[in-house]
Amino acid sequence: MVAAVIFVAINQRAAITSVGPLVGLIRDHLNMSNAVAGMISTIPLLAFAFFSPFAPKLGRKFGIEVVLLAALVVLTMGIILRSLAGVAYLFVGTSIIGIAIAVLNVLLPSLIKQQFPNRIGTMTGVYTISSNLMGAIASGISIPIAIGLGYGWQGALGLWGILSFISILVWLPQMKRRSGGKSDREEVNDNQQINMWRSPLAWQVTLFMGLQSMIFYVLITWLPEILKSQGIGSDQSGWVLSILQLSLLPFTFIIPVISERMSNQRLLVVTMFTLFLMGTLGLLYGSSNLIVLWIILIGSGGGIAFGLAMMFFSLRTENAHEAAELSGMAQSVGYLLAATGPLFFGFLHDVTNSWTTPLFILVGSTVLLFIFGLGAASNRYISS
């Protein structure tokens, strides 16, 4: 089961993060405009937003293990379809990939709560670091595979279908495990279902998830341009962006393990806010010679925020069904913010012709993240 969880996790980002470095090649090969090419990255986020609420219902009706297996099969089909020639195949395949990963994102925390009730923190850490690490690797090897090895953008994207197919084989034994133990449907009385959308605590978790997701995608999208405005070259800004992603990795594993052992997680929320605030203010007012320090602070804060967001799905719920429902709600709103955040920040830059106002908005977002984080970190269940 541990191996199965890891193989699901490494499929959660790789098929998407591998696209970014290849957008230029795809655009030129298919004669697309920049606006159309930008939709390649936006479509999966919109799929996450709109399809995440449906995943818990599928998991409850058919069983989490069955639905995760089906999602891996659909993901493999989407990756193959995306790699075929033609704009239509590209966008249809990308949409299918987004839907499949939305299901994986929502149901994996629920599965961990169900199968590892005494090791939720450790297993959440294992799956978050597996997901983020493979996502970073996918970004780094896309161009070498496409250009260095001569496979082109289609081969570089199609490669991840091999990984998802292997994951199907690794997951198949879990179908036998499903026949034993208590099913998710037996775990929840229909008369005691909770409406997550009416729960103040669920909204605090959701807005925490959404804001941390938005901040991450805003930085991934616009950090190179922000650095460029401060006189830092394109080559250096690329390395700085890599440092941002690498600095959050250790925290995505450590934070879930630590948070499970705490009566509440408010100290971690305060630490996260302090790191975020220092790093963002450093970008605004600090020396460009210390840019790596500011980015490490922001990345560390982002790693704590992501680890907490994933743990809140389990810590604030009493069973796997509630965890899936909360995960679906939080990721739906979260990825909607993630999809619109970069557009809004780009608009602010166009209007003001400066990154000062967008960075002030980023500071305001971290303050809101702190407020909602304190509420989400309190020691209580949504059902109470």
Foldseek 3Di string as FASTA:
>chain_A
DLVLLLLLLQLLALLQLLCVVCLVLVCVVAVHDPVLSVVLNLLLLLLLQPQLLCLLVVCLVPNLLVLLLVLLVQLLVLLLQLLDDDPVSVVVSSNSNSNSSSNSQLQSLLVCCAPPVPCSLQSQLSSQLSNLVSSLVSNVCSCCVQPVVVPHNSNSSNVCSVSSVVSSVVSVVVVVVQVDDDTPNNVDDPVQDDDLVPFPLLVLLLLLLQLLLQLVLLCLPCVLVLVVVVVDDNVVSVVLSSLLSVLLSVLLNVLSRVLVPDLFCLVLLVQLLVLLLVLLVCSVDNDSVCNSVSSSSNSNSSSSSVNVSSNLLNQQADHSSSSSNSSSSSSNSNSVSNSCSNVVQVVVCVVVVHNNVVSVVSNVSSVSSSVSRNSSRHRYHSSD
